[in-house]
PDB file of N, CA and C in Angstrom:
ATOM      1  N   UNK A   1      26.651 179.097-105.440  1.00  0.00           N
ATOM      2  CA  UNK A   1      27.436 178.085-104.757  1.00  0.00           C
ATOM      3  C   UNK A   1      26.611 177.550-103.596  1.00  0.00           C
ATOM      4  N   UNK A   2      26.599 176.240-103.437  1.00  0.00           N
ATOM      5  CA  UNK A   2      25.813 175.597-102.381  1.00  0.00           C
ATOM      6  C   UNK A   2      26.683 175.450-101.138  1.00  0.00           C
ATOM      7  N   UNK A   3      26.256 176.086-100.062  1.00  0.00           N
ATOM      8  CA  UNK A   3      27.005 175.978 -98.811  1.00  0.00           C
ATOM      9  C   UNK A   3      26.141 175.264 -97.794  1.00  0.00           C
ATOM     10  N   UNK A   4      26.646 174.160 -97.278  1.00  0.00           N
ATOM     11  CA  UNK A   4      25.939 173.384 -96.273  1.00  0.00           C
ATOM     12  C   UNK A   4      26.582 173.668 -94.926  1.00  0.00           C
ATOM     13  N   UNK A   5      25.812 174.245 -94.027  1.00  0.00           N
ATOM     14  CA  UNK A   5      26.361 174.595 -92.715  1.00  0.00           C
ATOM     15  C   UNK A   5      25.989 173.592 -91.640  1.00  0.00           C
ATOM     16  N   UNK A   6      25.251 172.546 -92.002  1.00  0.00           N
ATOM     17  CA  UNK A   6      24.894 171.550 -90.993  1.00  0.00           C
ATOM     18  C   UNK A   6      26.086 170.636 -90.751  1.00  0.00           C
ATOM     19  N   UNK A   7      26.320 170.274 -89.499  1.00  0.00           N
ATOM     20  CA  UNK A   7      27.457 169.391 -89.216  1.00  0.00           C
ATOM     21  C   UNK A   7      27.195 167.989 -89.760  1.00  0.00           C
ATOM     22  N   UNK A   8      28.253 167.351 -90.169  1.00  0.00           N
ATOM     23  CA  UNK A   8      28.145 166.003 -90.716  1.00  0.00           C
ATOM     24  C   UNK A   8      27.909 165.004 -89.594  1.00  0.00           C
ATOM     25  N   UNK A   9      26.942 164.102 -89.801  1.00  0.00           N
ATOM     26  CA  UNK A   9      26.648 163.086 -88.785  1.00  0.00           C
ATOM     27  C   UNK A   9      27.425 161.804 -89.035  1.00  0.00           C
ATOM     28  N   UNK A  10      28.131 161.718 -90.133  1.00  0.00           N
ATOM     29  CA  UNK A  10      28.904 160.519 -90.471  1.00  0.00           C
ATOM     30  C   UNK A  10      30.345 160.660 -90.004  1.00  0.00           C
ATOM     31  N   UNK A  11      30.513 160.961 -88.751  1.00  0.00           N
ATOM     32  CA  UNK A  11      31.840 161.103 -88.179  1.00  0.00           C
ATOM     33  C   UNK A  11      32.447 159.725 -87.959  1.00  0.00           C
ATOM     34  N   UNK A  12      33.736 159.570 -88.191  1.00  0.00           N
ATOM     35  CA  UNK A  12      34.356 158.277 -87.882  1.00  0.00           C
ATOM     36  C   UNK A  12      34.328 158.035 -86.374  1.00  0.00           C
ATOM     37  N   UNK A  13      34.231 156.768 -85.974  1.00  0.00           N
ATOM     38  CA  UNK A  13      34.171 156.484 -84.533  1.00  0.00           C
ATOM     39  C   UNK A  13      35.481 156.880 -83.848  1.00  0.00           C
ATOM     40  N   UNK A  14      35.325 157.378 -82.654  1.00  0.00           N
ATOM     41  CA  UNK A  14      36.505 157.756 -81.884  1.00  0.00           C
ATOM     42  C   UNK A  14      36.946 156.568 -81.036  1.00  0.00           C
ATOM     43  N   UNK A  15      38.089 156.703 -80.400  1.00  0.00           N
ATOM     44  CA  UNK A  15      38.615 155.622 -79.564  1.00  0.00           C
ATOM     45  C   UNK A  15      37.682 155.330 -78.394  1.00  0.00           C
ATOM     46  N   UNK A  16      36.943 156.332 -77.920  1.00  0.00           N
ATOM     47  CA  UNK A  16      36.020 156.126 -76.807  1.00  0.00           C
ATOM     48  C   UNK A  16      34.817 155.293 -77.238  1.00  0.00           C
ATOM     49  N   UNK A  17      34.455 155.349 -78.533  1.00  0.00           N
ATOM     50  CA  UNK A  17      33.315 154.576 -79.028  1.00  0.00           C
ATOM     51  C   UNK A  17      33.663 153.114 -79.282  1.00  0.00           C
ATOM     52  N   UNK A  18      34.913 152.815 -79.488  1.00  0.00           N
ATOM     53  CA  UNK A  18      35.351 151.461 -79.805  1.00  0.00           C
ATOM     54  C   UNK A  18      35.436 150.618 -78.537  1.00  0.00           C
ATOM     55  N   UNK A  19      34.942 149.374 -78.580  1.00  0.00           N
ATOM     56  CA  UNK A  19      35.098 148.500 -77.417  1.00  0.00           C
ATOM     57  C   UNK A  19      36.550 148.062 -77.286  1.00  0.00           C
ATOM     58  N   UNK A  20      36.993 147.929 -76.045  1.00  0.00           N
ATOM     59  CA  UNK A  20      38.375 147.507 -75.837  1.00  0.00           C
ATOM     60  C   UNK A  20      38.392 146.019 -75.568  1.00  0.00           C
ATOM     61  N   UNK A  21      39.391 145.349 -76.085  1.00  0.00           N
ATOM     62  CA  UNK A  21      39.515 143.909 -75.888  1.00  0.00           C
ATOM     63  C   UNK A  21      38.995 143.143 -77.091  1.00  0.00           C
ATOM     64  N   UNK A  22      39.486 141.941 -77.225  1.00  0.00           N
ATOM     65  CA  UNK A  22      39.150 141.116 -78.375  1.00  0.00           C
ATOM     66  C   UNK A  22      37.693 140.662 -78.368  1.00  0.00           C
ATOM     67  N   UNK A  23      37.218 140.159 -77.257  1.00  0.00           N
ATOM     68  CA  UNK A  23      35.856 139.618 -77.197  1.00  0.00           C
ATOM     69  C   UNK A  23      34.809 140.712 -77.402  1.00  0.00           C
ATOM     70  N   UNK A  24      34.864 141.852 -76.716  1.00  0.00           N
ATOM     71  CA  UNK A  24      33.854 142.895 -76.978  1.00  0.00           C
ATOM     72  C   UNK A  24      33.918 143.430 -78.407  1.00  0.00           C
ATOM     73  N   UNK A  25      35.108 143.531 -78.970  1.00  0.00           N
ATOM     74  CA  UNK A  25      35.225 144.002 -80.349  1.00  0.00           C
ATOM     75  C   UNK A  25      34.633 142.987 -81.321  1.00  0.00           C
ATOM     76  N   UNK A  26      34.849 141.712 -81.044  1.00  0.00           N
ATOM     77  CA  UNK A  26      34.292 140.658 -81.900  1.00  0.00           C
ATOM     78  C   UNK A  26      32.772 140.657 -81.826  1.00  0.00           C
ATOM     79  N   UNK A  27      32.232 140.765 -80.628  1.00  0.00           N
ATOM     80  CA  UNK A  27      30.777 140.797 -80.460  1.00  0.00           C
ATOM     81  C   UNK A  27      30.193 142.026 -81.156  1.00  0.00           C
ATOM     82  N   UNK A  28      30.866 143.165 -81.051  1.00  0.00           N
ATOM     83  CA  UNK A  28      30.386 144.386 -81.707  1.00  0.00           C
ATOM     84  C   UNK A  28      30.372 144.220 -83.223  1.00  0.00           C
ATOM     85  N   UNK A  29      31.387 143.572 -83.782  1.00  0.00           N
ATOM     86  CA  UNK A  29      31.427 143.347 -85.231  1.00  0.00           C
ATOM     87  C   UNK A  29      30.369 142.340 -85.659  1.00  0.00           C
ATOM     88  N   UNK A  30      30.149 141.292 -84.861  1.00  0.00           N
ATOM     89  CA  UNK A  30      29.143 140.291 -85.216  1.00  0.00           C
ATOM     90  C   UNK A  30      27.736 140.862 -85.178  1.00  0.00           C
ATOM     91  N   UNK A  31      27.501 141.880 -84.374  1.00  0.00           N
ATOM     92  CA  UNK A  31      26.185 142.524 -84.344  1.00  0.00           C
ATOM     93  C   UNK A  31      25.930 143.321 -85.611  1.00  0.00           C
ATOM     94  N   UNK A  32      26.981 143.694 -86.339  1.00  0.00           N
ATOM     95  CA  UNK A  32      26.839 144.451 -87.583  1.00  0.00           C
ATOM     96  C   UNK A  32      26.558 143.546 -88.781  1.00  0.00           C
ATOM     97  N   UNK A  33      26.756 142.250 -88.622  1.00  0.00           N
ATOM     98  CA  UNK A  33      26.607 141.320 -89.732  1.00  0.00           C
ATOM     99  C   UNK A  33      25.135 141.170 -90.104  1.00  0.00           C
ATOM    100  N   UNK A  34      24.866 141.174 -91.416  1.00  0.00           N
ATOM    101  CA  UNK A  34      23.526 140.899 -91.909  1.00  0.00           C
ATOM    102  C   UNK A  34      23.508 139.423 -92.283  1.00  0.00           C
ATOM    103  N   UNK A  35      22.883 138.598 -91.449  1.00  0.00           N
ATOM    104  CA  UNK A  35      22.881 137.162 -91.646  1.00  0.00           C
ATOM    105  C   UNK A  35      21.859 136.795 -92.703  1.00  0.00           C
ATOM    106  N   UNK A  36      22.164 135.769 -93.534  1.00  0.00           N
ATOM    107  CA  UNK A  36      21.215 135.367 -94.580  1.00  0.00           C
ATOM    108  C   UNK A  36      20.019 134.625 -93.982  1.00  0.00           C
ATOM    109  N   UNK A  37      18.930 134.657 -94.730  1.00  0.00           N
ATOM    110  CA  UNK A  37      17.755 133.894 -94.310  1.00  0.00           C
ATOM    111  C   UNK A  37      18.013 132.418 -94.602  1.00  0.00           C
ATOM    112  N   UNK A  38      17.149 131.566 -94.075  1.00  0.00           N
ATOM    113  CA  UNK A  38      17.288 130.128 -94.306  1.00  0.00           C
ATOM    114  C   UNK A  38      17.197 129.806 -95.797  1.00  0.00           C
ATOM    115  N   UNK A  39      16.274 130.485 -96.497  1.00  0.00           N
ATOM    116  CA  UNK A  39      16.095 130.258 -97.932  1.00  0.00           C
ATOM    117  C   UNK A  39      17.344 130.684 -98.711  1.00  0.00           C
ATOM    118  N   UNK A  40      17.920 131.840 -98.384  1.00  0.00           N
ATOM    119  CA  UNK A  40      19.136 132.292 -99.048  1.00  0.00           C
ATOM    120  C   UNK A  40      20.290 131.328 -98.787  1.00  0.00           C
ATOM    121  N   UNK A  41      20.419 130.898 -97.549  1.00  0.00           N
ATOM    122  CA  UNK A  41      21.486 129.974 -97.188  1.00  0.00           C
ATOM    123  C   UNK A  41      21.367 128.673 -97.961  1.00  0.00           C
ATOM    124  N   UNK A  42      20.148 128.127 -98.060  1.00  0.00           N
ATOM    125  CA  UNK A  42      19.928 126.872 -98.774  1.00  0.00           C
ATOM    126  C   UNK A  42      20.219 127.028-100.265  1.00  0.00           C
ATOM    127  N   UNK A  43      19.677 128.067-100.895  1.00  0.00           N
ATOM    128  CA  UNK A  43      19.834 128.220-102.345  1.00  0.00           C
ATOM    129  C   UNK A  43      21.288 128.508-102.712  1.00  0.00           C
ATOM    130  N   UNK A  44      21.981 129.300-101.925  1.00  0.00           N
ATOM    131  CA  UNK A  44      23.380 129.590-102.226  1.00  0.00           C
ATOM    132  C   UNK A  44      24.268 128.379-101.956  1.00  0.00           C
ATOM    133  N   UNK A  45      23.927 127.576-100.952  1.00  0.00           N
ATOM    134  CA  UNK A  45      24.681 126.351-100.692  1.00  0.00           C
ATOM    135  C   UNK A  45      24.513 125.365-101.839  1.00  0.00           C
ATOM    136  N   UNK A  46      23.297 125.238-102.346  1.00  0.00           N
ATOM    137  CA  UNK A  46      23.052 124.349-103.490  1.00  0.00           C
ATOM    138  C   UNK A  46      23.838 124.839-104.706  1.00  0.00           C
ATOM    139  N   UNK A  47      23.852 126.147-104.933  1.00  0.00           N
ATOM    140  CA  UNK A  47      24.594 126.694-106.073  1.00  0.00           C
ATOM    141  C   UNK A  47      26.091 126.403-105.943  1.00  0.00           C
ATOM    142  N   UNK A  48      26.638 126.543-104.753  1.00  0.00           N
ATOM    143  CA  UNK A  48      28.063 126.269-104.542  1.00  0.00           C
ATOM    144  C   UNK A  48      28.365 124.790-104.760  1.00  0.00           C
ATOM    145  N   UNK A  49      27.518 123.921-104.222  1.00  0.00           N
ATOM    146  CA  UNK A  49      27.743 122.482-104.384  1.00  0.00           C
ATOM    147  C   UNK A  49      27.671 122.085-105.855  1.00  0.00           C
ATOM    148  N   UNK A  50      26.701 122.634-106.593  1.00  0.00           N
ATOM    149  CA  UNK A  50      26.600 122.336-108.023  1.00  0.00           C
ATOM    150  C   UNK A  50      27.831 122.825-108.795  1.00  0.00           C
ATOM    151  N   UNK A  51      28.285 124.017-108.511  1.00  0.00           N
ATOM    152  CA  UNK A  51      29.445 124.554-109.225  1.00  0.00           C
ATOM    153  C   UNK A  51      30.713 123.769-108.898  1.00  0.00           C
ATOM    154  N   UNK A  52      30.870 123.351-107.661  1.00  0.00           N
ATOM    155  CA  UNK A  52      32.034 122.539-107.293  1.00  0.00           C
ATOM    156  C   UNK A  52      31.969 121.199-108.006  1.00  0.00           C
ATOM    157  N   UNK A  53      30.784 120.600-108.063  1.00  0.00           N
ATOM    158  CA  UNK A  53      30.619 119.330-108.760  1.00  0.00           C
ATOM    159  C   UNK A  53      30.914 119.450-110.250  1.00  0.00           C
ATOM    160  N   UNK A  54      30.402 120.518-110.872  1.00  0.00           N
ATOM    161  CA  UNK A  54      30.669 120.727-112.301  1.00  0.00           C
ATOM    162  C   UNK A  54      32.148 120.995-112.559  1.00  0.00           C
ATOM    163  N   UNK A  55      32.771 121.760-111.705  1.00  0.00           N
ATOM    164  CA  UNK A  55      34.205 122.034-111.864  1.00  0.00           C
ATOM    165  C   UNK A  55      35.022 120.757-111.705  1.00  0.00           C
ATOM    166  N   UNK A  56      34.670 119.934-110.737  1.00  0.00           N
ATOM    167  CA  UNK A  56      35.381 118.672-110.529  1.00  0.00           C
ATOM    168  C   UNK A  56      35.204 117.757-111.724  1.00  0.00           C
ATOM    169  N   UNK A  57      33.998 117.701-112.293  1.00  0.00           N
ATOM    170  CA  UNK A  57      33.752 116.871-113.470  1.00  0.00           C
ATOM    171  C   UNK A  57      34.552 117.373-114.673  1.00  0.00           C
ATOM    172  N   UNK A  58      34.632 118.685-114.847  1.00  0.00           N
ATOM    173  CA  UNK A  58      35.392 119.244-115.961  1.00  0.00           C
ATOM    174  C   UNK A  58      36.885 118.949-115.799  1.00  0.00           C
ATOM    175  N   UNK A  59      37.400 119.096-114.599  1.00  0.00           N
ATOM    176  CA  UNK A  59      38.822 118.810-114.350  1.00  0.00           C
ATOM    177  C   UNK A  59      39.104 117.335-114.558  1.00  0.00           C
ATOM    178  N   UNK A  60      38.202 116.462-114.117  1.00  0.00           N
ATOM    179  CA  UNK A  60      38.376 115.021-114.305  1.00  0.00           C
ATOM    180  C   UNK A  60      38.352 114.670-115.786  1.00  0.00           C
ATOM    181  N   UNK A  61      37.473 115.295-116.558  1.00  0.00           N
ATOM    182  CA  UNK A  61      37.398 115.028-118.000  1.00  0.00           C
ATOM    183  C   UNK A  61      38.689 115.457-118.701  1.00  0.00           C
ATOM    184  N   UNK A  62      39.199 116.625-118.364  1.00  0.00           N
ATOM    185  CA  UNK A  62      40.452 117.091-118.964  1.00  0.00           C
ATOM    186  C   UNK A  62      41.597 116.175-118.559  1.00  0.00           C
ATOM    187  N   UNK A  63      41.633 115.747-117.316  1.00  0.00           N
ATOM    188  CA  UNK A  63      42.686 114.848-116.836  1.00  0.00           C
ATOM    189  C   UNK A  63      42.636 113.509-117.575  1.00  0.00           C
ATOM    190  N   UNK A  64      41.442 112.954-117.744  1.00  0.00           N
ATOM    191  CA  UNK A  64      41.320 111.676-118.466  1.00  0.00           C
ATOM    192  C   UNK A  64      41.738 111.835-119.923  1.00  0.00           C
ATOM    193  N   UNK A  65      41.366 112.959-120.538  1.00  0.00           N
ATOM    194  CA  UNK A  65      41.748 113.186-121.932  1.00  0.00           C
ATOM    195  C   UNK A  65      43.266 113.262-122.068  1.00  0.00           C
ATOM    196  N   UNK A  66      43.925 114.029-121.191  1.00  0.00           N
ATOM    197  CA  UNK A  66      45.385 114.131-121.271  1.00  0.00           C
ATOM    198  C   UNK A  66      46.055 112.801-120.922  1.00  0.00           C
ATOM    199  N   UNK A  67      45.464 112.048-119.999  1.00  0.00           N
ATOM    200  CA  UNK A  67      46.000 110.722-119.695  1.00  0.00           C
ATOM    201  C   UNK A  67      45.887 109.792-120.882  1.00  0.00           C
ATOM    202  N   UNK A  68      44.724 109.798-121.536  1.00  0.00           N
ATOM    203  CA  UNK A  68      44.522 108.972-122.716  1.00  0.00           C
ATOM    204  C   UNK A  68      45.467 109.381-123.844  1.00  0.00           C
ATOM    205  N   UNK A  69      45.602 110.710-124.067  1.00  0.00           N
ATOM    206  CA  UNK A  69      46.478 111.175-125.154  1.00  0.00           C
ATOM    207  C   UNK A  69      47.951 110.843-124.856  1.00  0.00           C
ATOM    208  N   UNK A  70      48.367 110.873-123.593  1.00  0.00           N
ATOM    209  CA  UNK A  70      49.735 110.527-123.248  1.00  0.00           C
ATOM    210  C   UNK A  70      49.996 109.052-123.528  1.00  0.00           C
ATOM    211  N   UNK A  71      49.008 108.201-123.254  1.00  0.00           N
ATOM    212  CA  UNK A  71      49.163 106.780-123.549  1.00  0.00           C
ATOM    213  C   UNK A  71      49.288 106.566-125.058  1.00  0.00           C
ATOM    214  N   UNK A  72      48.510 107.298-125.842  1.00  0.00           N
ATOM    215  CA  UNK A  72      48.555 107.153-127.292  1.00  0.00           C
ATOM    216  C   UNK A  72      49.891 107.611-127.869  1.00  0.00           C
ATOM    217  N   UNK A  73      50.457 108.681-127.306  1.00  0.00           N
ATOM    218  CA  UNK A  73      51.713 109.230-127.825  1.00  0.00           C
ATOM    219  C   UNK A  73      52.898 108.411-127.390  1.00  0.00           C
ATOM    220  N   UNK A  74      52.931 107.988-126.140  1.00  0.00           N
ATOM    221  CA  UNK A  74      54.121 107.345-125.592  1.00  0.00           C
ATOM    222  C   UNK A  74      53.994 105.816-125.503  1.00  0.00           C
ATOM    223  N   UNK A  75      53.280 105.187-126.368  1.00  0.00           N
ATOM    224  CA  UNK A  75      53.175 103.738-126.407  1.00  0.00           C
ATOM    225  C   UNK A  75      54.450 103.119-126.869  1.00  0.00           C
TER     226      UNK A  75
END
């Protein structure tokens, strides 16, 4: 049986470790953020814009098809 007697270093933070107040807590959380590089930001923004454009085109095509079919049926 494996017995580990070393204390765990991954203790949850105590109330004394937490900053009090909204602004210090916000700043503490923002320091933990891993911000993207300029290249990542650009490439992911382009991917989002392309997907939104393709989705809008697909929705517009389906809408035009149903509009056309409604005109054909209800003439």
